[in-house]
Amino acid sequence: MVQGGIPELLNFKQKGKDMNEFIKVPLSEKLSYCFGDPALTLMYTMTTTLLIYFYTNVVGISSGSVGMIMLLSRVFDGFSDVLMGTIIDRTHSKYGKARI
């Protein structure tokens, strides 16, 4: 077996890299990263619910049309996120990747 064990085996292409990246993350730190997601999900759900109510009861659009609008916007968002990620990865300017 390799002298450094599993971390060295996993990191064989990146010689000279610090092996401290393989230190086990404590459970308290893992849980602290999880607290932001429910808050984001709650706000997203409340906003979407209000938007659906507005479209169906105030504007008068049918619920099927509202569902199609939501579906198309999420599909477009999925493609545009990948496209913008590719553009940012290929950007090389003197100001950095995310600034043009």
PDB file of N, CA and C in Angstrom:
ATOM      1  N   MET A   1       0.839  -1.184   0.000  1.00  0.00           N
ATOM      2  CA  MET A   1       0.000   0.000   0.000  1.00  0.00           C
ATOM      3  C   MET A   1       0.878   1.240   0.000  1.00  0.00           C
ATOM      4  N   VAL A   2       0.328   2.328  -0.424  1.00  0.00           N
ATOM      5  CA  VAL A   2       1.044   3.593  -0.485  1.00  0.00           C
ATOM      6  C   VAL A   2       1.371   4.057   0.928  1.00  0.00           C
ATOM      7  N   GLN A   3       2.492   4.752   1.069  1.00  0.00           N
ATOM      8  CA  GLN A   3       2.955   5.139   2.389  1.00  0.00           C
ATOM      9  C   GLN A   3       1.977   6.033   3.145  1.00  0.00           C
ATOM     10  N   GLY A   4       1.301   6.944   2.477  1.00  0.00           N
ATOM     11  CA  GLY A   4       0.419   7.895   3.150  1.00  0.00           C
ATOM     12  C   GLY A   4      -0.974   7.367   3.430  1.00  0.00           C
ATOM     13  N   GLY A   5      -1.299   6.178   2.970  1.00  0.00           N
ATOM     14  CA  GLY A   5      -2.621   5.615   3.214  1.00  0.00           C
ATOM     15  C   GLY A   5      -3.648   6.124   2.218  1.00  0.00           C
ATOM     16  N   ILE A   6      -4.916   6.042   2.621  1.00  0.00           N
ATOM     17  CA  ILE A   6      -6.034   6.416   1.743  1.00  0.00           C
ATOM     18  C   ILE A   6      -5.978   7.884   1.317  1.00  0.00           C
ATOM     19  N   PRO A   7      -5.741   8.853   2.217  1.00  0.00           N
ATOM     20  CA  PRO A   7      -5.685  10.241   1.746  1.00  0.00           C
ATOM     21  C   PRO A   7      -4.632  10.449   0.669  1.00  0.00           C
ATOM     22  N   GLU A   8      -3.473   9.829   0.811  1.00  0.00           N
ATOM     23  CA  GLU A   8      -2.429   9.971  -0.206  1.00  0.00           C
ATOM     24  C   GLU A   8      -2.861   9.304  -1.503  1.00  0.00           C
ATOM     25  N   LEU A   9      -3.551   8.190  -1.413  1.00  0.00           N
ATOM     26  CA  LEU A   9      -4.022   7.481  -2.591  1.00  0.00           C
ATOM     27  C   LEU A   9      -5.061   8.307  -3.343  1.00  0.00           C
ATOM     28  N   LEU A  10      -5.960   8.960  -2.608  1.00  0.00           N
ATOM     29  CA  LEU A  10      -6.987   9.788  -3.237  1.00  0.00           C
ATOM     30  C   LEU A  10      -6.400  11.053  -3.841  1.00  0.00           C
ATOM     31  N   ASN A  11      -5.277  11.489  -3.335  1.00  0.00           N
ATOM     32  CA  ASN A  11      -4.706  12.766  -3.720  1.00  0.00           C
ATOM     33  C   ASN A  11      -3.438  12.584  -4.552  1.00  0.00           C
ATOM     34  N   PHE A  12      -3.314  11.468  -5.287  1.00  0.00           N
ATOM     35  CA  PHE A  12      -2.058  11.165  -5.956  1.00  0.00           C
ATOM     36  C   PHE A  12      -1.730  12.133  -7.086  1.00  0.00           C
ATOM     37  N   LYS A  13      -2.736  12.780  -7.675  1.00  0.00           N
ATOM     38  CA  LYS A  13      -2.483  13.702  -8.778  1.00  0.00           C
ATOM     39  C   LYS A  13      -2.076  15.090  -8.303  1.00  0.00           C
ATOM     40  N   GLN A  14      -2.225  15.380  -7.032  1.00  0.00           N
ATOM     41  CA  GLN A  14      -1.969  16.718  -6.518  1.00  0.00           C
ATOM     42  C   GLN A  14      -0.840  16.664  -5.493  1.00  0.00           C
ATOM     43  N   LYS A  15       0.331  16.328  -5.922  1.00  0.00           N
ATOM     44  CA  LYS A  15       1.476  16.241  -5.021  1.00  0.00           C
ATOM     45  C   LYS A  15       1.770  17.625  -4.442  1.00  0.00           C
ATOM     46  N   GLY A  16       2.177  17.626  -3.219  1.00  0.00           N
ATOM     47  CA  GLY A  16       2.502  18.886  -2.568  1.00  0.00           C
ATOM     48  C   GLY A  16       1.304  19.562  -1.930  1.00  0.00           C
ATOM     49  N   LYS A  17       0.131  18.992  -2.071  1.00  0.00           N
ATOM     50  CA  LYS A  17      -1.066  19.581  -1.484  1.00  0.00           C
ATOM     51  C   LYS A  17      -1.168  19.164  -0.023  1.00  0.00           C
ATOM     52  N   ASP A  18      -1.733  20.016   0.789  1.00  0.00           N
ATOM     53  CA  ASP A  18      -1.827  19.767   2.222  1.00  0.00           C
ATOM     54  C   ASP A  18      -2.792  18.621   2.502  1.00  0.00           C
ATOM     55  N   MET A  19      -2.370  17.655   3.302  1.00  0.00           N
ATOM     56  CA  MET A  19      -3.213  16.505   3.631  1.00  0.00           C
ATOM     57  C   MET A  19      -4.220  16.828   4.737  1.00  0.00           C
ATOM     58  N   ASN A  20      -4.176  18.040   5.280  1.00  0.00           N
ATOM     59  CA  ASN A  20      -5.125  18.405   6.331  1.00  0.00           C
ATOM     60  C   ASN A  20      -6.549  18.550   5.804  1.00  0.00           C
ATOM     61  N   GLU A  21      -6.729  18.564   4.477  1.00  0.00           N
ATOM     62  CA  GLU A  21      -8.071  18.671   3.925  1.00  0.00           C
ATOM     63  C   GLU A  21      -8.889  17.407   4.166  1.00  0.00           C
ATOM     64  N   PHE A  22      -8.244  16.325   4.567  1.00  0.00           N
ATOM     65  CA  PHE A  22      -8.939  15.075   4.814  1.00  0.00           C
ATOM     66  C   PHE A  22      -9.273  14.871   6.284  1.00  0.00           C
ATOM     67  N   ILE A  23      -9.105  15.905   7.099  1.00  0.00           N
ATOM     68  CA  ILE A  23      -9.455  15.807   8.510  1.00  0.00           C
ATOM     69  C   ILE A  23     -10.968  15.674   8.628  1.00  0.00           C
ATOM     70  N   LYS A  24     -11.423  14.820   9.526  1.00  0.00           N
ATOM     71  CA  LYS A  24     -12.855  14.584   9.691  1.00  0.00           C
ATOM     72  C   LYS A  24     -13.549  15.839  10.211  1.00  0.00           C
ATOM     73  N   VAL A  25     -14.674  16.189   9.590  1.00  0.00           N
ATOM     74  CA  VAL A  25     -15.457  17.357   9.986  1.00  0.00           C
ATOM     75  C   VAL A  25     -16.363  16.959  11.149  1.00  0.00           C
ATOM     76  N   PRO A  26     -16.343  17.720  12.255  1.00  0.00           N
ATOM     77  CA  PRO A  26     -17.189  17.354  13.394  1.00  0.00           C
ATOM     78  C   PRO A  26     -18.679  17.505  13.084  1.00  0.00           C
ATOM     79  N   LEU A  27     -19.494  16.745  13.792  1.00  0.00           N
ATOM     80  CA  LEU A  27     -20.943  16.759  13.580  1.00  0.00           C
ATOM     81  C   LEU A  27     -21.529  18.140  13.832  1.00  0.00           C
ATOM     82  N   SER A  28     -21.020  18.872  14.806  1.00  0.00           N
ATOM     83  CA  SER A  28     -21.553  20.206  15.096  1.00  0.00           C
ATOM     84  C   SER A  28     -21.366  21.145  13.910  1.00  0.00           C
ATOM     85  N   GLU A  29     -20.236  21.030  13.214  1.00  0.00           N
ATOM     86  CA  GLU A  29     -20.011  21.880  12.049  1.00  0.00           C
ATOM     87  C   GLU A  29     -20.921  21.473  10.892  1.00  0.00           C
ATOM     88  N   LYS A  30     -21.138  20.175  10.722  1.00  0.00           N
ATOM     89  CA  LYS A  30     -22.048  19.711   9.671  1.00  0.00           C
ATOM     90  C   LYS A  30     -23.461  20.218   9.916  1.00  0.00           C
ATOM     91  N   LEU A  31     -23.913  20.165  11.170  1.00  0.00           N
ATOM     92  CA  LEU A  31     -25.256  20.644  11.505  1.00  0.00           C
ATOM     93  C   LEU A  31     -25.380  22.148  11.329  1.00  0.00           C
ATOM     94  N   SER A  32     -24.317  22.888  11.638  1.00  0.00           N
ATOM     95  CA  SER A  32     -24.393  24.342  11.490  1.00  0.00           C
ATOM     96  C   SER A  32     -24.546  24.744  10.028  1.00  0.00           C
ATOM     97  N   TYR A  33     -23.985  23.970   9.104  1.00  0.00           N
ATOM     98  CA  TYR A  33     -24.185  24.253   7.685  1.00  0.00           C
ATOM     99  C   TYR A  33     -25.608  23.938   7.241  1.00  0.00           C
ATOM    100  N   CYS A  34     -26.299  23.072   7.960  1.00  0.00           N
ATOM    101  CA  CYS A  34     -27.653  22.663   7.583  1.00  0.00           C
ATOM    102  C   CYS A  34     -28.722  23.671   8.002  1.00  0.00           C
ATOM    103  N   PHE A  35     -28.405  24.604   8.887  1.00  0.00           N
ATOM    104  CA  PHE A  35     -29.435  25.505   9.395  1.00  0.00           C
ATOM    105  C   PHE A  35     -29.889  26.553   8.386  1.00  0.00           C
ATOM    106  N   GLY A  36     -29.085  26.888   7.410  1.00  0.00           N
ATOM    107  CA  GLY A  36     -29.473  27.889   6.419  1.00  0.00           C
ATOM    108  C   GLY A  36     -30.459  27.374   5.398  1.00  0.00           C
ATOM    109  N   ASP A  37     -30.409  26.104   5.086  1.00  0.00           N
ATOM    110  CA  ASP A  37     -31.259  25.558   4.040  1.00  0.00           C
ATOM    111  C   ASP A  37     -32.744  25.569   4.387  1.00  0.00           C
ATOM    112  N   PRO A  38     -33.162  25.173   5.603  1.00  0.00           N
ATOM    113  CA  PRO A  38     -34.598  25.256   5.897  1.00  0.00           C
ATOM    114  C   PRO A  38     -35.140  26.687   5.843  1.00  0.00           C
ATOM    115  N   ALA A  39     -34.339  27.654   6.242  1.00  0.00           N
ATOM    116  CA  ALA A  39     -34.788  29.043   6.176  1.00  0.00           C
ATOM    117  C   ALA A  39     -34.976  29.478   4.725  1.00  0.00           C
ATOM    118  N   LEU A  40     -34.053  29.097   3.874  1.00  0.00           N
ATOM    119  CA  LEU A  40     -34.175  29.426   2.458  1.00  0.00           C
ATOM    120  C   LEU A  40     -35.382  28.737   1.838  1.00  0.00           C
ATOM    121  N   THR A  41     -35.595  27.488   2.176  1.00  0.00           N
ATOM    122  CA  THR A  41     -36.732  26.743   1.652  1.00  0.00           C
ATOM    123  C   THR A  41     -38.051  27.350   2.119  1.00  0.00           C
ATOM    124  N   LEU A  42     -38.113  27.777   3.368  1.00  0.00           N
ATOM    125  CA  LEU A  42     -39.321  28.411   3.895  1.00  0.00           C
ATOM    126  C   LEU A  42     -39.635  29.701   3.151  1.00  0.00           C
ATOM    127  N   MET A  43     -38.635  30.536   2.938  1.00  0.00           N
ATOM    128  CA  MET A  43     -38.869  31.797   2.227  1.00  0.00           C
ATOM    129  C   MET A  43     -39.265  31.543   0.767  1.00  0.00           C
ATOM    130  N   TYR A  44     -38.637  30.579   0.127  1.00  0.00           N
ATOM    131  CA  TYR A  44     -38.969  30.251  -1.255  1.00  0.00           C
ATOM    132  C   TYR A  44     -40.404  29.734  -1.359  1.00  0.00           C
ATOM    133  N   THR A  45     -40.802  28.888  -0.430  1.00  0.00           N
ATOM    134  CA  THR A  45     -42.159  28.333  -0.439  1.00  0.00           C
ATOM    135  C   THR A  45     -43.199  29.419  -0.200  1.00  0.00           C
ATOM    136  N   MET A  46     -42.929  30.316   0.745  1.00  0.00           N
ATOM    137  CA  MET A  46     -43.876  31.408   1.016  1.00  0.00           C
ATOM    138  C   MET A  46     -44.019  32.321  -0.196  1.00  0.00           C
ATOM    139  N   THR A  47     -42.905  32.635  -0.851  1.00  0.00           N
ATOM    140  CA  THR A  47     -42.946  33.503  -2.027  1.00  0.00           C
ATOM    141  C   THR A  47     -43.707  32.837  -3.172  1.00  0.00           C
ATOM    142  N   THR A  48     -43.445  31.575  -3.409  1.00  0.00           N
ATOM    143  CA  THR A  48     -44.124  30.854  -4.482  1.00  0.00           C
ATOM    144  C   THR A  48     -45.619  30.730  -4.209  1.00  0.00           C
ATOM    145  N   THR A  49     -45.980  30.481  -2.960  1.00  0.00           N
ATOM    146  CA  THR A  49     -47.399  30.375  -2.601  1.00  0.00           C
ATOM    147  C   THR A  49     -48.118  31.690  -2.836  1.00  0.00           C
ATOM    148  N   LEU A  50     -47.496  32.791  -2.434  1.00  0.00           N
ATOM    149  CA  LEU A  50     -48.099  34.104  -2.663  1.00  0.00           C
ATOM    150  C   LEU A  50     -48.212  34.410  -4.150  1.00  0.00           C
ATOM    151  N   LEU A  51     -47.201  34.038  -4.914  1.00  0.00           N
ATOM    152  CA  LEU A  51     -47.232  34.283  -6.349  1.00  0.00           C
ATOM    153  C   LEU A  51     -48.332  33.472  -7.030  1.00  0.00           C
ATOM    154  N   ILE A  52     -48.503  32.212  -6.626  1.00  0.00           N
ATOM    155  CA  ILE A  52     -49.574  31.381  -7.192  1.00  0.00           C
ATOM    156  C   ILE A  52     -50.940  31.961  -6.834  1.00  0.00           C
ATOM    157  N   TYR A  53     -51.105  32.390  -5.594  1.00  0.00           N
ATOM    158  CA  TYR A  53     -52.369  33.021  -5.184  1.00  0.00           C
ATOM    159  C   TYR A  53     -52.642  34.271  -6.027  1.00  0.00           C
ATOM    160  N   PHE A  54     -51.614  35.095  -6.226  1.00  0.00           N
ATOM    161  CA  PHE A  54     -51.776  36.315  -7.001  1.00  0.00           C
ATOM    162  C   PHE A  54     -52.166  36.006  -8.446  1.00  0.00           C
ATOM    163  N   TYR A  55     -51.476  35.050  -9.066  1.00  0.00           N
ATOM    164  CA  TYR A  55     -51.779  34.711 -10.456  1.00  0.00           C
ATOM    165  C   TYR A  55     -53.188  34.156 -10.623  1.00  0.00           C
ATOM    166  N   THR A  56     -53.626  33.295  -9.701  1.00  0.00           N
ATOM    167  CA  THR A  56     -54.929  32.648  -9.890  1.00  0.00           C
ATOM    168  C   THR A  56     -56.088  33.533  -9.450  1.00  0.00           C
ATOM    169  N   ASN A  57     -55.992  34.216  -8.314  1.00  0.00           N
ATOM    170  CA  ASN A  57     -57.133  34.951  -7.771  1.00  0.00           C
ATOM    171  C   ASN A  57     -57.173  36.422  -8.162  1.00  0.00           C
ATOM    172  N   VAL A  58     -56.052  37.065  -8.345  1.00  0.00           N
ATOM    173  CA  VAL A  58     -56.046  38.493  -8.673  1.00  0.00           C
ATOM    174  C   VAL A  58     -56.006  38.697 -10.178  1.00  0.00           C
ATOM    175  N   VAL A  59     -55.053  38.058 -10.852  1.00  0.00           N
ATOM    176  CA  VAL A  59     -54.919  38.224 -12.296  1.00  0.00           C
ATOM    177  C   VAL A  59     -55.951  37.395 -13.048  1.00  0.00           C
ATOM    178  N   GLY A  60     -56.304  36.224 -12.514  1.00  0.00           N
ATOM    179  CA  GLY A  60     -57.326  35.400 -13.140  1.00  0.00           C
ATOM    180  C   GLY A  60     -56.797  34.357 -14.096  1.00  0.00           C
ATOM    181  N   ILE A  61     -55.551  34.001 -14.000  1.00  0.00           N
ATOM    182  CA  ILE A  61     -54.976  32.966 -14.852  1.00  0.00           C
ATOM    183  C   ILE A  61     -55.361  31.598 -14.286  1.00  0.00           C
ATOM    184  N   SER A  62     -55.605  30.627 -15.156  1.00  0.00           N
ATOM    185  CA  SER A  62     -55.981  29.292 -14.688  1.00  0.00           C
ATOM    186  C   SER A  62     -54.802  28.632 -13.962  1.00  0.00           C
ATOM    187  N   SER A  63     -55.121  27.703 -13.085  1.00  0.00           N
ATOM    188  CA  SER A  63     -54.069  27.063 -12.289  1.00  0.00           C
ATOM    189  C   SER A  63     -53.130  26.216 -13.159  1.00  0.00           C
ATOM    190  N   GLY A  64     -53.653  25.639 -14.227  1.00  0.00           N
ATOM    191  CA  GLY A  64     -52.796  24.890 -15.148  1.00  0.00           C
ATOM    192  C   GLY A  64     -51.773  25.784 -15.834  1.00  0.00           C
ATOM    193  N   SER A  65     -52.213  26.969 -16.220  1.00  0.00           N
ATOM    194  CA  SER A  65     -51.292  27.915 -16.856  1.00  0.00           C
ATOM    195  C   SER A  65     -50.230  28.399 -15.865  1.00  0.00           C
ATOM    196  N   VAL A  66     -50.652  28.617 -14.630  1.00  0.00           N
ATOM    197  CA  VAL A  66     -49.695  29.041 -13.603  1.00  0.00           C
ATOM    198  C   VAL A  66     -48.659  27.940 -13.377  1.00  0.00           C
ATOM    199  N   GLY A  67     -49.091  26.697 -13.330  1.00  0.00           N
ATOM    200  CA  GLY A  67     -48.163  25.590 -13.179  1.00  0.00           C
ATOM    201  C   GLY A  67     -47.181  25.503 -14.338  1.00  0.00           C
ATOM    202  N   MET A  68     -47.675  25.755 -15.553  1.00  0.00           N
ATOM    203  CA  MET A  68     -46.803  25.728 -16.721  1.00  0.00           C
ATOM    204  C   MET A  68     -45.793  26.877 -16.678  1.00  0.00           C
ATOM    205  N   ILE A  69     -46.227  28.040 -16.230  1.00  0.00           N
ATOM    206  CA  ILE A  69     -45.313  29.177 -16.080  1.00  0.00           C
ATOM    207  C   ILE A  69     -44.209  28.839 -15.078  1.00  0.00           C
ATOM    208  N   MET A  70     -44.590  28.240 -13.949  1.00  0.00           N
ATOM    209  CA  MET A  70     -43.598  27.865 -12.935  1.00  0.00           C
ATOM    210  C   MET A  70     -42.634  26.811 -13.478  1.00  0.00           C
ATOM    211  N   LEU A  71     -43.156  25.825 -14.200  1.00  0.00           N
ATOM    212  CA  LEU A  71     -42.311  24.774 -14.759  1.00  0.00           C
ATOM    213  C   LEU A  71     -41.324  25.338 -15.768  1.00  0.00           C
ATOM    214  N   LEU A  72     -41.808  26.163 -16.688  1.00  0.00           N
ATOM    215  CA  LEU A  72     -40.930  26.725 -17.711  1.00  0.00           C
ATOM    216  C   LEU A  72     -39.864  27.637 -17.107  1.00  0.00           C
ATOM    217  N   SER A  73     -40.228  28.389 -16.068  1.00  0.00           N
ATOM    218  CA  SER A  73     -39.238  29.269 -15.452  1.00  0.00           C
ATOM    219  C   SER A  73     -38.146  28.466 -14.743  1.00  0.00           C
ATOM    220  N   ARG A  74     -38.498  27.341 -14.148  1.00  0.00           N
ATOM    221  CA  ARG A  74     -37.480  26.511 -13.475  1.00  0.00           C
ATOM    222  C   ARG A  74     -36.599  25.782 -14.483  1.00  0.00           C
ATOM    223  N   VAL A  75     -37.167  25.344 -15.598  1.00  0.00           N
ATOM    224  CA  VAL A  75     -36.363  24.703 -16.639  1.00  0.00           C
ATOM    225  C   VAL A  75     -35.392  25.726 -17.239  1.00  0.00           C
ATOM    226  N   PHE A  76     -35.891  26.931 -17.514  1.00  0.00           N
ATOM    227  CA  PHE A  76     -35.016  27.991 -18.033  1.00  0.00           C
ATOM    228  C   PHE A  76     -33.916  28.318 -17.033  1.00  0.00           C
ATOM    229  N   ASP A  77     -34.251  28.370 -15.752  1.00  0.00           N
ATOM    230  CA  ASP A  77     -33.269  28.662 -14.717  1.00  0.00           C
ATOM    231  C   ASP A  77     -32.193  27.583 -14.663  1.00  0.00           C
ATOM    232  N   GLY A  78     -32.583  26.331 -14.842  1.00  0.00           N
ATOM    233  CA  GLY A  78     -31.607  25.248 -14.849  1.00  0.00           C
ATOM    234  C   GLY A  78     -30.608  25.379 -15.988  1.00  0.00           C
ATOM    235  N   PHE A  79     -31.080  25.715 -17.170  1.00  0.00           N
ATOM    236  CA  PHE A  79     -30.173  25.882 -18.307  1.00  0.00           C
ATOM    237  C   PHE A  79     -29.335  27.146 -18.178  1.00  0.00           C
ATOM    238  N   SER A  80     -29.938  28.234 -17.715  1.00  0.00           N
ATOM    239  CA  SER A  80     -29.183  29.480 -17.614  1.00  0.00           C
ATOM    240  C   SER A  80     -28.109  29.411 -16.534  1.00  0.00           C
ATOM    241  N   ASP A  81     -28.347  28.658 -15.453  1.00  0.00           N
ATOM    242  CA  ASP A  81     -27.321  28.497 -14.421  1.00  0.00           C
ATOM    243  C   ASP A  81     -26.097  27.776 -14.972  1.00  0.00           C
ATOM    244  N   VAL A  82     -26.316  26.717 -15.742  1.00  0.00           N
ATOM    245  CA  VAL A  82     -25.204  25.983 -16.341  1.00  0.00           C
ATOM    246  C   VAL A  82     -24.469  26.869 -17.342  1.00  0.00           C
ATOM    247  N   LEU A  83     -25.212  27.612 -18.140  1.00  0.00           N
ATOM    248  CA  LEU A  83     -24.604  28.500 -19.132  1.00  0.00           C
ATOM    249  C   LEU A  83     -23.756  29.583 -18.468  1.00  0.00           C
ATOM    250  N   MET A  84     -24.287  30.210 -17.440  1.00  0.00           N
ATOM    251  CA  MET A  84     -23.532  31.272 -16.764  1.00  0.00           C
ATOM    252  C   MET A  84     -22.322  30.702 -16.028  1.00  0.00           C
ATOM    253  N   GLY A  85     -22.445  29.496 -15.465  1.00  0.00           N
ATOM    254  CA  GLY A  85     -21.295  28.858 -14.835  1.00  0.00           C
ATOM    255  C   GLY A  85     -20.181  28.602 -15.829  1.00  0.00           C
ATOM    256  N   THR A  86     -20.550  28.165 -17.032  1.00  0.00           N
ATOM    257  CA  THR A  86     -19.565  27.939 -18.082  1.00  0.00           C
ATOM    258  C   THR A  86     -18.914  29.243 -18.509  1.00  0.00           C
ATOM    259  N   ILE A  87     -19.699  30.283 -18.643  1.00  0.00           N
ATOM    260  CA  ILE A  87     -19.150  31.594 -19.027  1.00  0.00           C
ATOM    261  C   ILE A  87     -18.178  32.096 -17.969  1.00  0.00           C
ATOM    262  N   ILE A  88     -18.536  31.966 -16.703  1.00  0.00           N
ATOM    263  CA  ILE A  88     -17.655  32.431 -15.631  1.00  0.00           C
ATOM    264  C   ILE A  88     -16.375  31.604 -15.586  1.00  0.00           C
ATOM    265  N   ASP A  89     -16.485  30.286 -15.781  1.00  0.00           N
ATOM    266  CA  ASP A  89     -15.286  29.445 -15.765  1.00  0.00           C
ATOM    267  C   ASP A  89     -14.332  29.786 -16.901  1.00  0.00           C
ATOM    268  N   ARG A  90     -14.849  30.225 -18.012  1.00  0.00           N
ATOM    269  CA  ARG A  90     -14.003  30.541 -19.172  1.00  0.00           C
ATOM    270  C   ARG A  90     -13.547  31.992 -19.197  1.00  0.00           C
ATOM    271  N   THR A  91     -13.984  32.799 -18.263  1.00  0.00           N
ATOM    272  CA  THR A  91     -13.608  34.204 -18.227  1.00  0.00           C
ATOM    273  C   THR A  91     -12.255  34.356 -17.552  1.00  0.00           C
ATOM    274  N   HIS A  92     -11.361  35.030 -18.219  1.00  0.00           N
ATOM    275  CA  HIS A  92     -10.040  35.332 -17.659  1.00  0.00           C
ATOM    276  C   HIS A  92      -9.764  36.808 -17.894  1.00  0.00           C
ATOM    277  N   SER A  93     -10.029  37.623 -16.911  1.00  0.00           N
ATOM    278  CA  SER A  93      -9.743  39.052 -17.031  1.00  0.00           C
ATOM    279  C   SER A  93      -8.832  39.470 -15.888  1.00  0.00           C
ATOM    280  N   LYS A  94      -8.331  40.665 -15.963  1.00  0.00           N
ATOM    281  CA  LYS A  94      -7.434  41.137 -14.901  1.00  0.00           C
ATOM    282  C   LYS A  94      -8.190  41.407 -13.608  1.00  0.00           C
ATOM    283  N   TYR A  95      -9.526  41.474 -13.657  1.00  0.00           N
ATOM    284  CA  TYR A  95     -10.331  41.723 -12.468  1.00  0.00           C
ATOM    285  C   TYR A  95     -10.801  40.436 -11.784  1.00  0.00           C
ATOM    286  N   GLY A  96     -10.570  39.282 -12.409  1.00  0.00           N
ATOM    287  CA  GLY A  96     -11.002  38.014 -11.837  1.00  0.00           C
ATOM    288  C   GLY A  96     -12.068  37.363 -12.707  1.00  0.00           C
ATOM    289  N   LYS A  97     -12.585  36.239 -12.226  1.00  0.00           N
ATOM    290  CA  LYS A  97     -13.563  35.481 -13.007  1.00  0.00           C
ATOM    291  C   LYS A  97     -14.951  36.114 -13.019  1.00  0.00           C
ATOM    292  N   ALA A  98     -15.395  36.616 -11.885  1.00  0.00           N
ATOM    293  CA  ALA A  98     -16.778  37.070 -11.776  1.00  0.00           C
ATOM    294  C   ALA A  98     -16.961  38.543 -12.117  1.00  0.00           C
ATOM    295  N   ARG A  99     -15.900  39.210 -12.528  1.00  0.00           N
ATOM    296  CA  ARG A  99     -16.027  40.615 -12.918  1.00  0.00           C
ATOM    297  C   ARG A  99     -15.540  40.786 -14.334  1.00  0.00           C
ATOM    298  N   ILE A 100     -16.310  41.510 -15.119  1.00  0.00           N
ATOM    299  CA  ILE A 100     -15.927  41.731 -16.512  1.00  0.00           C
ATOM    300  C   ILE A 100     -15.665  43.196 -16.733  1.00  0.00           C
TER     301      ILE A 100
END
